[in-house]
Amino acid sequence: MLEPDPLRPAEKTIDWPGASDASLIFIGEIRTPWTSRAACPRRGRHDGPLCRIDVNPIWAEALTGVEADSQLEIFYWLHRSRRDVVLQSPRHDGTTRGTFALRSPLRPNPIGTSVVVVERIDGTILHVRGLDCLDHTPLIDIKPYRSAFTPSAPETPGDRQIGDT
């Protein structure tokens, strides 16, 4: 873990147990204009700055079907985030809440997500708007964005809730 950000009043940490139960591979790198958490927006905007997603060329075929003007959900590893904070005091908020009650980047497993609009594609480089992460953020995954209004697939037997008969 990198040098942690200083804590705000009322924030609390735990003794970080470390992680050894999952394995990720980064499929690329995200390039944005932001180099500090203070400068980074809280949410990406589709009229925000043009950013770049550099997908590792070994995944080139996985981009088949991704097109300009489409919306994608981008998943990334918040590599500079603390992982030991359990109580947080959001800036300019005046309250203290648990990590799981916030969308803060400080998390046990710091995974971020943004919905982006693809402006253009140059090989394995996606030029997008809508990101809210630091420059050189590792890319975990890319999925087509599905709005909450997209109809669900027909129910299958595996969709039953635990306890249903």
Protein backbone atom coordinates (compact mmCIF):
# COMPACT_ATOMS: atom_id res chain seq x y z
CA MET A 1 0.00 0.00 0.00
CA LEU A 2 1.26 3.50 -0.80
CA GLU A 3 1.76 6.25 1.74
CA PRO A 4 -1.77 6.74 3.07
CA ASP A 5 -3.71 9.98 2.84
CA PRO A 6 -4.06 11.70 6.22
CA LEU A 7 -7.25 10.99 8.12
CA ARG A 8 -9.90 13.64 8.79
CA PRO A 9 -11.36 14.15 12.29
CA ALA A 10 -13.60 11.24 13.41
CA GLU A 11 -12.22 8.88 10.74
CA LYS A 12 -11.08 5.45 11.89
CA THR A 13 -8.92 2.69 10.47
CA ILE A 14 -8.40 -0.99 11.23
CA ASP A 15 -5.23 -3.07 11.19
CA TRP A 16 -5.17 -4.02 7.51
CA PRO A 17 -5.19 -7.83 7.26
CA GLY A 18 -3.77 -7.86 3.74
CA ALA A 19 -5.28 -9.67 0.80
CA SER A 20 -4.52 -13.07 -0.62
CA ASP A 21 -7.81 -14.57 -1.69
CA ALA A 22 -8.30 -13.16 -5.19
CA SER A 23 -6.25 -12.52 -8.26
CA LEU A 24 -6.80 -9.80 -10.85
CA ILE A 25 -5.05 -9.03 -14.07
CA PHE A 26 -5.04 -5.51 -15.35
CA ILE A 27 -6.12 -5.36 -18.98
CA GLY A 28 -4.83 -1.87 -19.62
CA GLU A 29 -4.32 1.58 -18.22
CA ILE A 30 -6.50 4.68 -17.99
CA ARG A 31 -5.07 8.09 -18.90
CA THR A 32 -6.77 11.17 -17.44
CA PRO A 33 -5.71 14.76 -16.68
CA TRP A 34 -5.93 14.21 -12.89
CA THR A 35 -2.86 13.44 -10.80
CA SER A 36 -4.28 13.99 -7.30
CA ARG A 37 -7.43 12.93 -5.51
CA ALA A 38 -8.20 16.57 -4.68
CA ALA A 39 -8.22 17.50 -8.39
CA CYS A 40 -10.25 14.48 -9.52
CA PRO A 41 -14.01 14.98 -9.96
CA ARG A 42 -16.40 13.09 -7.68
CA ARG A 43 -18.32 11.78 -10.70
CA GLY A 44 -17.35 11.68 -14.34
CA ARG A 45 -19.37 13.79 -16.77
CA HIS A 46 -20.17 12.98 -20.36
CA ASP A 47 -19.24 16.55 -21.27
CA GLY A 48 -16.00 16.26 -19.27
CA PRO A 49 -12.47 16.10 -20.66
CA LEU A 50 -11.47 13.59 -23.29
CA CYS A 51 -9.64 10.71 -21.59
CA ARG A 52 -7.97 7.60 -22.94
CA ILE A 53 -8.29 3.93 -22.12
CA ASP A 54 -5.24 2.03 -23.35
CA VAL A 55 -6.21 -1.63 -23.62
CA ASN A 56 -3.31 -4.10 -23.72
CA PRO A 57 -3.01 -5.26 -27.36
CA ILE A 58 -3.37 -8.92 -26.34
CA TRP A 59 -7.04 -8.04 -25.66
CA ALA A 60 -7.60 -6.44 -29.09
CA GLU A 61 -10.11 -9.06 -30.24
CA ALA A 62 -12.10 -8.57 -27.02
CA LEU A 63 -12.93 -5.06 -28.30
CA THR A 64 -14.76 -6.51 -31.33
CA GLY A 65 -18.21 -4.92 -31.41
CA VAL A 66 -17.26 -1.88 -29.28
CA GLU A 67 -18.17 1.18 -31.33
CA ALA A 68 -17.89 4.96 -31.21
CA ASP A 69 -20.93 6.70 -29.69
CA SER A 70 -21.62 3.70 -27.46
CA GLN A 71 -21.73 3.75 -23.68
CA LEU A 72 -19.49 1.44 -21.69
CA GLU A 73 -19.11 0.67 -18.03
CA ILE A 74 -15.45 0.82 -17.06
CA PHE A 75 -14.11 -0.99 -13.99
CA TYR A 76 -10.77 0.05 -12.55
CA TRP A 77 -8.47 -0.51 -9.58
CA LEU A 78 -8.08 2.56 -7.36
CA HIS A 79 -4.41 1.79 -6.84
CA ARG A 80 -3.63 4.82 -4.69
CA SER A 81 -6.52 4.38 -2.24
CA ARG A 82 -6.27 3.45 1.41
CA ARG A 83 -7.85 0.09 2.20
CA ASP A 84 -8.00 0.30 5.99
CA VAL A 85 -10.59 3.04 6.64
CA VAL A 86 -13.89 1.92 8.22
CA LEU A 87 -15.33 5.32 9.25
CA GLN A 88 -15.06 8.30 6.90
CA SER A 89 -15.86 12.00 7.08
CA PRO A 90 -16.58 13.22 3.54
CA ARG A 91 -15.04 16.58 2.75
CA HIS A 92 -17.44 19.51 3.32
CA ASP A 93 -20.11 17.12 4.66
CA GLY A 94 -19.81 17.38 8.44
CA THR A 95 -20.89 13.77 9.04
CA THR A 96 -19.12 10.50 9.69
CA ARG A 97 -20.36 7.29 8.07
CA GLY A 98 -19.18 3.78 7.45
CA THR A 99 -17.23 3.02 4.29
CA PHE A 100 -20.04 0.84 2.92
CA ALA A 101 -22.48 3.76 3.19
CA LEU A 102 -20.32 5.92 0.89
CA ARG A 103 -19.05 5.93 -2.70
CA SER A 104 -15.60 7.00 -1.52
CA PRO A 105 -12.51 5.53 -3.22
CA LEU A 106 -11.25 4.43 0.23
CA ARG A 107 -12.44 0.81 0.36
CA PRO A 108 -11.21 -2.65 1.39
CA ASN A 109 -11.28 -3.61 -2.30
CA PRO A 110 -10.89 -0.30 -4.14
CA ILE A 111 -12.79 -0.98 -7.33
CA GLY A 112 -14.13 2.04 -9.20
CA THR A 113 -16.65 2.18 -12.00
CA SER A 114 -17.71 4.85 -14.48
CA VAL A 115 -20.12 4.97 -17.37
CA VAL A 116 -18.33 6.52 -20.34
CA VAL A 117 -19.25 7.62 -23.83
CA VAL A 118 -16.86 6.39 -26.54
CA GLU A 119 -15.83 9.29 -28.79
CA ARG A 120 -13.57 7.27 -31.07
CA ILE A 121 -11.46 4.12 -31.20
CA ASP A 122 -7.89 3.89 -32.50
CA GLY A 123 -6.92 0.22 -32.43
CA THR A 124 -6.83 -0.68 -28.74
CA ILE A 125 -7.11 2.93 -27.56
CA LEU A 126 -10.58 4.13 -26.57
CA HIS A 127 -11.06 7.90 -26.41
CA VAL A 128 -13.87 8.50 -23.91
CA ARG A 129 -15.62 11.07 -21.74
CA GLY A 130 -17.05 10.39 -18.30
CA LEU A 131 -14.13 9.13 -16.22
CA ASP A 132 -13.37 10.13 -12.64
CA CYS A 133 -10.08 8.43 -11.79
CA LEU A 134 -6.42 9.35 -11.55
CA ASP A 135 -3.96 9.21 -14.42
CA HIS A 136 -2.34 5.77 -14.85
CA THR A 137 -5.21 3.95 -13.11
CA PRO A 138 -5.12 0.19 -13.85
CA LEU A 139 -8.04 -1.08 -15.96
CA ILE A 140 -9.88 -4.16 -14.68
CA ASP A 141 -12.76 -4.67 -17.12
CA ILE A 142 -15.03 -3.15 -19.77
CA LYS A 143 -18.70 -4.01 -20.21
CA PRO A 144 -21.48 -2.58 -22.34
CA TYR A 145 -23.60 -0.22 -20.26
CA ARG A 146 -27.12 -1.41 -19.59
CA SER A 147 -29.50 1.22 -18.29
CA ALA A 148 -31.84 0.45 -15.41
CA PHE A 149 -34.64 0.69 -17.96
CA THR A 150 -33.33 -2.15 -20.14
CA PRO A 151 -35.80 -5.05 -19.91
CA SER A 152 -34.54 -8.10 -18.05
CA ALA A 153 -34.03 -11.43 -19.75
CA PRO A 154 -36.81 -14.00 -19.28
CA GLU A 155 -36.71 -15.74 -15.90
CA THR A 156 -34.78 -19.01 -15.68
CA PRO A 157 -34.88 -21.68 -12.93
CA GLY A 158 -31.63 -20.31 -11.46
CA ASP A 159 -33.28 -16.93 -10.78
CA ARG A 160 -35.25 -18.16 -7.75
CA GLN A 161 -34.45 -16.44 -4.47
CA ILE A 162 -32.93 -18.34 -1.57
CA GLY A 163 -35.85 -19.69 0.45
CA ASP A 164 -38.29 -19.74 -2.50
CA THR A 165 -39.98 -23.05 -3.11
